[in-house]
Amino acid sequence: MSSVLLEVVTPERLVVSEQVNFITVLTGGGELGILPHHAPLAATVKPCIVKVRTDAGEDYINVNGGFLEIQPDKVTILADAAELASMIDVARAQAAKERAERRLAQREGVDVLRAELALQRALRRLEVVELSGKAGNVLGSGNQK
C-alpha cells in the first residue's frame, strides 16, 4: 500500500516521524482525511485526537492545536503540544481530570473556560491511551526523539 511521511513536531521535540497510510485530523475547516499524494494544503489544527493508519494497524496522537502542512509525499503537524499514548502518565491525566471536575463543580471564583479546557485536555489524553491500547501502539517504535 502507498504511504506518506508523517512528522508531528512540537517546540520541544519530534514526536513522530513515520510512513503512514492514512491520517485523520480536525482542522479549522473540519475533519480532514489525508491519503498519500494529497494535494498541497495548509490549515490550522484544532485540539484533537489524530488517527493514523499504518501497515501494522491504527494508532492515535493527542494534539493540542497547531498547524498542518500537506505535501504529496509528506504531512507535517506543527503542534503546540502532542503525545503518543506511551508518553502519557495516566495517573497524572486522571488527577487533572478530577481537579478540573472539582473546579467546575464549584463555579464560584473559578475561571470556567480554563477549567473546561483543562477537562477536555485530560479527557483527550485518557482517550488516546484507551484507543491506543485497543489498537496496539503502532507508532513510535524507536522513532520518538
N, C-alpha and C. Protein backbone atom coordinates (compact mmCIF):
# COMPACT_ATOMS: atom_id res chain seq x y z
N MET A 1 0.84 -1.18 0.00
CA MET A 1 0.00 0.00 0.00
C MET A 1 0.88 1.24 0.00
N SER A 2 0.43 2.29 -0.64
CA SER A 2 1.15 3.55 -0.72
C SER A 2 1.19 4.23 0.65
N SER A 3 2.25 5.00 0.92
CA SER A 3 2.37 5.66 2.21
C SER A 3 2.89 7.08 2.04
N VAL A 4 2.77 7.84 3.12
CA VAL A 4 3.24 9.22 3.16
C VAL A 4 3.98 9.40 4.49
N LEU A 5 5.01 10.24 4.50
CA LEU A 5 5.75 10.50 5.73
C LEU A 5 4.94 11.45 6.61
N LEU A 6 4.67 11.05 7.85
CA LEU A 6 4.02 11.90 8.83
C LEU A 6 5.05 12.34 9.85
N GLU A 7 5.15 13.66 10.03
CA GLU A 7 6.01 14.20 11.08
C GLU A 7 5.14 15.06 11.98
N VAL A 8 5.17 14.77 13.27
CA VAL A 8 4.48 15.58 14.28
C VAL A 8 5.58 16.20 15.12
N VAL A 9 5.61 17.53 15.12
CA VAL A 9 6.70 18.26 15.77
C VAL A 9 6.11 19.26 16.77
N THR A 10 6.71 19.32 17.96
CA THR A 10 6.36 20.33 18.95
C THR A 10 7.58 21.23 19.13
N PRO A 11 7.45 22.33 19.85
CA PRO A 11 8.63 23.17 20.10
C PRO A 11 9.74 22.42 20.84
N GLU A 12 9.39 21.35 21.57
CA GLU A 12 10.38 20.61 22.35
C GLU A 12 11.01 19.43 21.63
N ARG A 13 10.24 18.78 20.70
CA ARG A 13 10.77 17.54 20.13
C ARG A 13 10.01 17.10 18.88
N LEU A 14 10.62 16.14 18.21
CA LEU A 14 9.97 15.42 17.13
C LEU A 14 9.23 14.26 17.78
N VAL A 15 7.90 14.27 17.71
CA VAL A 15 7.09 13.25 18.38
C VAL A 15 6.99 12.00 17.52
N VAL A 16 6.75 12.18 16.23
CA VAL A 16 6.59 11.05 15.30
C VAL A 16 7.23 11.42 13.97
N SER A 17 7.90 10.47 13.38
CA SER A 17 8.40 10.59 12.01
C SER A 17 8.31 9.19 11.41
N GLU A 18 7.18 8.90 10.77
CA GLU A 18 6.95 7.55 10.25
C GLU A 18 6.13 7.57 8.97
N GLN A 19 6.29 6.52 8.19
CA GLN A 19 5.48 6.32 6.99
C GLN A 19 4.11 5.80 7.43
N VAL A 20 3.05 6.44 6.95
CA VAL A 20 1.69 6.04 7.30
C VAL A 20 0.84 5.96 6.04
N ASN A 21 -0.30 5.27 6.15
CA ASN A 21 -1.19 5.09 5.01
C ASN A 21 -2.35 6.07 4.98
N PHE A 22 -2.77 6.54 6.17
CA PHE A 22 -3.93 7.42 6.25
C PHE A 22 -3.89 8.20 7.56
N ILE A 23 -4.34 9.45 7.51
CA ILE A 23 -4.36 10.32 8.68
C ILE A 23 -5.71 11.02 8.74
N THR A 24 -6.29 11.10 9.92
CA THR A 24 -7.50 11.89 10.14
C THR A 24 -7.17 12.93 11.19
N VAL A 25 -7.46 14.21 10.89
CA VAL A 25 -7.13 15.31 11.80
C VAL A 25 -8.25 16.35 11.75
N LEU A 26 -8.48 17.03 12.87
CA LEU A 26 -9.50 18.07 12.94
C LEU A 26 -8.84 19.41 12.66
N THR A 27 -9.26 20.06 11.58
CA THR A 27 -8.70 21.36 11.21
C THR A 27 -9.74 22.45 11.47
N GLY A 28 -9.33 23.69 11.26
CA GLY A 28 -10.25 24.81 11.40
C GLY A 28 -11.42 24.71 10.45
N GLY A 29 -11.25 23.98 9.36
CA GLY A 29 -12.31 23.81 8.38
C GLY A 29 -13.11 22.52 8.56
N GLY A 30 -12.80 21.75 9.58
CA GLY A 30 -13.50 20.49 9.83
C GLY A 30 -12.54 19.31 9.79
N GLU A 31 -13.11 18.10 9.88
CA GLU A 31 -12.29 16.89 9.88
C GLU A 31 -11.75 16.63 8.48
N LEU A 32 -10.48 16.26 8.42
CA LEU A 32 -9.80 16.06 7.15
C LEU A 32 -9.16 14.68 7.13
N GLY A 33 -9.42 13.91 6.09
CA GLY A 33 -8.77 12.63 5.87
C GLY A 33 -7.67 12.82 4.84
N ILE A 34 -6.48 12.31 5.13
CA ILE A 34 -5.32 12.54 4.26
C ILE A 34 -4.74 11.20 3.83
N LEU A 35 -4.67 11.03 2.52
CA LEU A 35 -4.05 9.86 1.90
C LEU A 35 -2.74 10.27 1.24
N PRO A 36 -1.87 9.33 0.92
CA PRO A 36 -0.66 9.67 0.16
C PRO A 36 -1.03 10.40 -1.14
N HIS A 37 -0.19 11.30 -1.57
CA HIS A 37 -0.35 12.08 -2.79
C HIS A 37 -1.50 13.08 -2.71
N HIS A 38 -1.85 13.49 -1.49
CA HIS A 38 -2.88 14.51 -1.29
C HIS A 38 -2.40 15.81 -1.90
N ALA A 39 -3.32 16.62 -2.35
CA ALA A 39 -2.97 17.94 -2.89
C ALA A 39 -2.37 18.80 -1.77
N PRO A 40 -1.41 19.65 -2.12
CA PRO A 40 -0.81 20.52 -1.10
C PRO A 40 -1.88 21.37 -0.41
N LEU A 41 -1.70 21.54 0.90
CA LEU A 41 -2.68 22.25 1.70
C LEU A 41 -2.03 22.71 2.99
N ALA A 42 -2.47 23.85 3.50
CA ALA A 42 -2.06 24.31 4.83
C ALA A 42 -3.33 24.63 5.60
N ALA A 43 -3.35 24.30 6.89
CA ALA A 43 -4.54 24.53 7.70
C ALA A 43 -4.15 24.63 9.16
N THR A 44 -5.04 25.21 9.96
CA THR A 44 -4.86 25.19 11.40
C THR A 44 -5.36 23.84 11.91
N VAL A 45 -4.79 23.40 13.00
CA VAL A 45 -5.22 22.15 13.63
C VAL A 45 -5.86 22.51 14.97
N LYS A 46 -7.07 22.01 15.18
CA LYS A 46 -7.75 22.21 16.46
C LYS A 46 -7.30 21.12 17.42
N PRO A 47 -7.43 21.36 18.72
CA PRO A 47 -7.12 20.30 19.67
C PRO A 47 -7.96 19.06 19.34
N CYS A 48 -7.28 17.92 19.18
CA CYS A 48 -7.98 16.72 18.73
C CYS A 48 -7.13 15.48 18.94
N ILE A 49 -7.75 14.35 18.62
CA ILE A 49 -7.03 13.09 18.56
C ILE A 49 -6.81 12.79 17.09
N VAL A 50 -5.55 12.72 16.69
CA VAL A 50 -5.20 12.41 15.31
C VAL A 50 -5.17 10.89 15.17
N LYS A 51 -5.93 10.38 14.22
CA LYS A 51 -5.98 8.93 13.96
C LYS A 51 -5.02 8.63 12.80
N VAL A 52 -4.20 7.61 12.98
CA VAL A 52 -3.20 7.25 11.99
C VAL A 52 -3.30 5.77 11.67
N ARG A 53 -3.29 5.44 10.38
CA ARG A 53 -3.24 4.03 9.97
C ARG A 53 -1.91 3.75 9.30
N THR A 54 -1.33 2.60 9.68
CA THR A 54 -0.10 2.11 9.05
C THR A 54 -0.36 0.68 8.60
N ASP A 55 0.63 0.07 7.98
CA ASP A 55 0.50 -1.34 7.60
C ASP A 55 0.30 -2.22 8.83
N ALA A 56 0.82 -1.77 9.99
CA ALA A 56 0.74 -2.56 11.22
C ALA A 56 -0.58 -2.37 11.97
N GLY A 57 -1.37 -1.36 11.62
CA GLY A 57 -2.64 -1.12 12.31
C GLY A 57 -2.91 0.35 12.51
N GLU A 58 -3.69 0.67 13.55
CA GLU A 58 -4.07 2.05 13.84
C GLU A 58 -3.41 2.51 15.13
N ASP A 59 -3.20 3.83 15.21
CA ASP A 59 -2.71 4.43 16.45
C ASP A 59 -3.26 5.85 16.52
N TYR A 60 -3.05 6.50 17.67
CA TYR A 60 -3.66 7.79 17.94
C TYR A 60 -2.64 8.71 18.59
N ILE A 61 -2.78 10.02 18.28
CA ILE A 61 -1.89 11.03 18.82
C ILE A 61 -2.74 12.15 19.40
N ASN A 62 -2.50 12.54 20.64
CA ASN A 62 -3.17 13.68 21.23
C ASN A 62 -2.45 14.94 20.77
N VAL A 63 -3.17 15.86 20.13
CA VAL A 63 -2.58 17.10 19.63
C VAL A 63 -3.37 18.27 20.23
N ASN A 64 -2.65 19.23 20.80
CA ASN A 64 -3.31 20.38 21.43
C ASN A 64 -3.33 21.61 20.54
N GLY A 65 -3.58 21.41 19.25
CA GLY A 65 -3.66 22.54 18.31
C GLY A 65 -2.34 22.80 17.63
N GLY A 66 -2.40 23.56 16.55
CA GLY A 66 -1.20 23.91 15.82
C GLY A 66 -1.49 24.14 14.35
N PHE A 67 -0.56 23.74 13.49
CA PHE A 67 -0.69 23.95 12.05
C PHE A 67 -0.37 22.66 11.30
N LEU A 68 -0.96 22.52 10.14
CA LEU A 68 -0.81 21.35 9.30
C LEU A 68 -0.31 21.79 7.93
N GLU A 69 0.70 21.09 7.42
CA GLU A 69 1.15 21.31 6.05
C GLU A 69 1.13 19.97 5.34
N ILE A 70 0.45 19.92 4.22
CA ILE A 70 0.38 18.68 3.43
C ILE A 70 1.11 18.90 2.11
N GLN A 71 2.03 18.01 1.82
CA GLN A 71 2.69 17.92 0.53
C GLN A 71 2.39 16.51 0.01
N PRO A 72 2.51 16.26 -1.28
CA PRO A 72 2.16 14.93 -1.80
C PRO A 72 2.89 13.78 -1.11
N ASP A 73 4.14 14.02 -0.62
CA ASP A 73 4.93 12.94 -0.03
C ASP A 73 5.21 13.13 1.46
N LYS A 74 4.64 14.20 2.06
CA LYS A 74 4.93 14.47 3.47
C LYS A 74 3.81 15.29 4.10
N VAL A 75 3.43 14.89 5.33
CA VAL A 75 2.45 15.63 6.12
C VAL A 75 3.14 16.05 7.41
N THR A 76 3.11 17.35 7.68
CA THR A 76 3.75 17.86 8.89
C THR A 76 2.70 18.53 9.76
N ILE A 77 2.66 18.13 11.02
CA ILE A 77 1.82 18.79 12.01
C ILE A 77 2.76 19.49 12.98
N LEU A 78 2.71 20.83 12.98
CA LEU A 78 3.48 21.63 13.93
C LEU A 78 2.53 21.91 15.09
N ALA A 79 2.69 21.18 16.15
CA ALA A 79 1.73 21.20 17.25
C ALA A 79 2.24 22.01 18.44
N ASP A 80 1.30 22.66 19.13
CA ASP A 80 1.64 23.34 20.37
C ASP A 80 2.15 22.31 21.37
N ALA A 81 1.46 21.16 21.43
CA ALA A 81 1.87 20.02 22.25
C ALA A 81 1.26 18.78 21.61
N ALA A 82 1.95 17.67 21.69
CA ALA A 82 1.46 16.41 21.12
C ALA A 82 2.11 15.25 21.86
N GLU A 83 1.35 14.15 21.94
CA GLU A 83 1.90 12.98 22.63
C GLU A 83 1.21 11.70 22.18
N LEU A 84 2.02 10.66 22.10
CA LEU A 84 1.53 9.32 21.86
C LEU A 84 1.06 8.74 23.19
N ALA A 85 0.28 7.69 23.14
CA ALA A 85 -0.20 7.05 24.37
C ALA A 85 0.95 6.67 25.30
N SER A 86 2.05 6.19 24.71
CA SER A 86 3.19 5.75 25.52
C SER A 86 3.85 6.90 26.29
N MET A 87 3.56 8.14 25.93
CA MET A 87 4.14 9.32 26.59
C MET A 87 3.24 9.84 27.71
N ILE A 88 2.02 9.34 27.80
CA ILE A 88 1.04 9.88 28.73
C ILE A 88 1.11 9.19 30.09
N ASP A 89 1.22 9.99 31.13
CA ASP A 89 1.17 9.49 32.50
C ASP A 89 -0.31 9.42 32.87
N VAL A 90 -0.86 8.22 32.90
CA VAL A 90 -2.30 8.02 33.11
C VAL A 90 -2.74 8.55 34.47
N ALA A 91 -1.98 8.31 35.50
CA ALA A 91 -2.34 8.79 36.84
C ALA A 91 -2.40 10.31 36.87
N ARG A 92 -1.46 10.95 36.22
CA ARG A 92 -1.43 12.42 36.16
C ARG A 92 -2.62 12.95 35.36
N ALA A 93 -2.95 12.31 34.25
CA ALA A 93 -4.10 12.72 33.44
C ALA A 93 -5.40 12.53 34.22
N GLN A 94 -5.51 11.43 34.95
CA GLN A 94 -6.71 11.19 35.77
C GLN A 94 -6.83 12.24 36.86
N ALA A 95 -5.72 12.59 37.50
CA ALA A 95 -5.73 13.61 38.54
C ALA A 95 -6.12 14.98 37.96
N ALA A 96 -5.64 15.30 36.78
CA ALA A 96 -6.00 16.56 36.12
C ALA A 96 -7.49 16.59 35.81
N LYS A 97 -8.03 15.47 35.37
CA LYS A 97 -9.47 15.36 35.08
C LYS A 97 -10.27 15.62 36.35
N GLU A 98 -9.90 14.99 37.44
CA GLU A 98 -10.62 15.14 38.71
C GLU A 98 -10.52 16.57 39.24
N ARG A 99 -9.34 17.19 39.11
CA ARG A 99 -9.15 18.58 39.53
C ARG A 99 -10.07 19.51 38.75
N ALA A 100 -10.11 19.33 37.43
CA ALA A 100 -10.95 20.17 36.58
C ALA A 100 -12.43 19.98 36.91
N GLU A 101 -12.82 18.74 37.16
CA GLU A 101 -14.22 18.47 37.52
C GLU A 101 -14.59 19.15 38.84
N ARG A 102 -13.67 19.12 39.82
CA ARG A 102 -13.92 19.79 41.10
C ARG A 102 -14.06 21.29 40.92
N ARG A 103 -13.18 21.88 40.10
CA ARG A 103 -13.25 23.33 39.86
C ARG A 103 -14.57 23.69 39.18
N LEU A 104 -14.99 22.88 38.22
CA LEU A 104 -16.25 23.16 37.53
C LEU A 104 -17.45 23.01 38.46
N ALA A 105 -17.39 22.11 39.42
CA ALA A 105 -18.48 21.91 40.36
C ALA A 105 -18.62 23.12 41.30
N GLN A 106 -17.49 23.79 41.61
CA GLN A 106 -17.52 24.96 42.48
C GLN A 106 -18.17 26.15 41.79
N ARG A 107 -17.75 26.42 40.60
CA ARG A 107 -18.22 27.55 39.78
C ARG A 107 -17.86 28.92 40.36
N GLU A 108 -18.05 29.15 41.64
CA GLU A 108 -17.77 30.46 42.22
C GLU A 108 -16.28 30.70 42.30
N GLY A 109 -15.84 31.84 41.77
CA GLY A 109 -14.44 32.21 41.82
C GLY A 109 -13.56 31.36 40.93
N VAL A 110 -14.15 30.63 39.98
CA VAL A 110 -13.40 29.72 39.11
C VAL A 110 -13.45 30.25 37.68
N ASP A 111 -12.32 30.21 37.01
CA ASP A 111 -12.29 30.53 35.58
C ASP A 111 -12.86 29.31 34.86
N VAL A 112 -14.15 29.38 34.53
CA VAL A 112 -14.86 28.23 33.97
C VAL A 112 -14.27 27.79 32.64
N LEU A 113 -13.95 28.73 31.77
CA LEU A 113 -13.37 28.37 30.47
C LEU A 113 -12.06 27.62 30.65
N ARG A 114 -11.22 28.11 31.53
CA ARG A 114 -9.92 27.44 31.77
C ARG A 114 -10.13 26.03 32.32
N ALA A 115 -11.08 25.88 33.23
CA ALA A 115 -11.37 24.56 33.81
C ALA A 115 -11.94 23.62 32.76
N GLU A 116 -12.81 24.13 31.89
CA GLU A 116 -13.38 23.30 30.82
C GLU A 116 -12.30 22.84 29.84
N LEU A 117 -11.38 23.74 29.49
CA LEU A 117 -10.28 23.37 28.59
C LEU A 117 -9.37 22.33 29.24
N ALA A 118 -9.10 22.49 30.53
CA ALA A 118 -8.27 21.50 31.25
C ALA A 118 -8.96 20.15 31.27
N LEU A 119 -10.28 20.15 31.48
CA LEU A 119 -11.03 18.89 31.48
C LEU A 119 -10.98 18.23 30.11
N GLN A 120 -11.19 19.02 29.05
CA GLN A 120 -11.13 18.46 27.69
C GLN A 120 -9.76 17.87 27.39
N ARG A 121 -8.70 18.57 27.80
CA ARG A 121 -7.33 18.08 27.58
C ARG A 121 -7.11 16.75 28.29
N ALA A 122 -7.53 16.67 29.54
CA ALA A 122 -7.35 15.44 30.32
C ALA A 122 -8.16 14.29 29.72
N LEU A 123 -9.39 14.57 29.30
CA LEU A 123 -10.22 13.53 28.70
C LEU A 123 -9.62 13.03 27.38
N ARG A 124 -9.07 13.94 26.56
CA ARG A 124 -8.42 13.53 25.31
C ARG A 124 -7.22 12.65 25.58
N ARG A 125 -6.43 13.01 26.59
CA ARG A 125 -5.24 12.22 26.93
C ARG A 125 -5.64 10.81 27.35
N LEU A 126 -6.66 10.71 28.19
CA LEU A 126 -7.12 9.39 28.64
C LEU A 126 -7.71 8.60 27.48
N GLU A 127 -8.41 9.27 26.57
CA GLU A 127 -8.99 8.57 25.42
C GLU A 127 -7.90 8.04 24.48
N VAL A 128 -6.83 8.80 24.30
CA VAL A 128 -5.72 8.33 23.46
C VAL A 128 -5.12 7.06 24.03
N VAL A 129 -4.95 7.01 25.35
CA VAL A 129 -4.41 5.81 25.99
C VAL A 129 -5.35 4.64 25.76
N GLU A 130 -6.64 4.86 25.96
CA GLU A 130 -7.62 3.79 25.78
C GLU A 130 -7.67 3.31 24.33
N LEU A 131 -7.75 4.22 23.38
CA LEU A 131 -7.82 3.84 21.97
C LEU A 131 -6.55 3.14 21.51
N SER A 132 -5.40 3.65 21.92
CA SER A 132 -4.13 3.05 21.51
C SER A 132 -3.94 1.68 22.13
N GLY A 133 -4.45 1.50 23.35
CA GLY A 133 -4.38 0.18 23.99
C GLY A 133 -5.15 -0.85 23.22
N LYS A 134 -6.31 -0.47 22.69
CA LYS A 134 -7.13 -1.38 21.89
C LYS A 134 -6.50 -1.61 20.51
N ALA A 135 -5.86 -0.55 19.97
CA ALA A 135 -5.31 -0.64 18.61
C ALA A 135 -3.93 -1.28 18.60
N GLY A 136 -3.17 -1.09 19.67
CA GLY A 136 -1.89 -1.76 19.75
C GLY A 136 -0.65 -0.93 19.51
N ASN A 137 -0.65 0.37 19.78
CA ASN A 137 0.55 1.22 19.70
C ASN A 137 1.48 0.87 18.54
N VAL A 138 1.16 1.31 17.35
CA VAL A 138 1.99 1.01 16.19
C VAL A 138 2.97 2.13 15.86
N LEU A 139 2.77 3.31 16.43
CA LEU A 139 3.66 4.43 16.17
C LEU A 139 4.75 4.52 17.25
N GLY A 140 5.82 5.18 16.89
CA GLY A 140 6.85 5.49 17.87
C GLY A 140 7.78 4.35 18.21
N SER A 141 7.80 3.31 17.45
CA SER A 141 8.70 2.18 17.74
C SER A 141 10.13 2.57 17.39
N GLY A 142 10.73 3.30 18.33
CA GLY A 142 12.13 3.69 18.12
C GLY A 142 12.30 5.02 17.42
N ASN A 143 11.22 5.70 17.01
CA ASN A 143 11.36 6.94 16.27
C ASN A 143 11.04 8.17 17.08
N GLN A 144 10.75 8.04 18.36
CA GLN A 144 10.49 9.20 19.19
C GLN A 144 11.82 9.83 19.55
N LYS A 145 11.83 11.14 19.55
CA LYS A 145 13.07 11.84 19.87
C LYS A 145 12.85 12.71 21.08
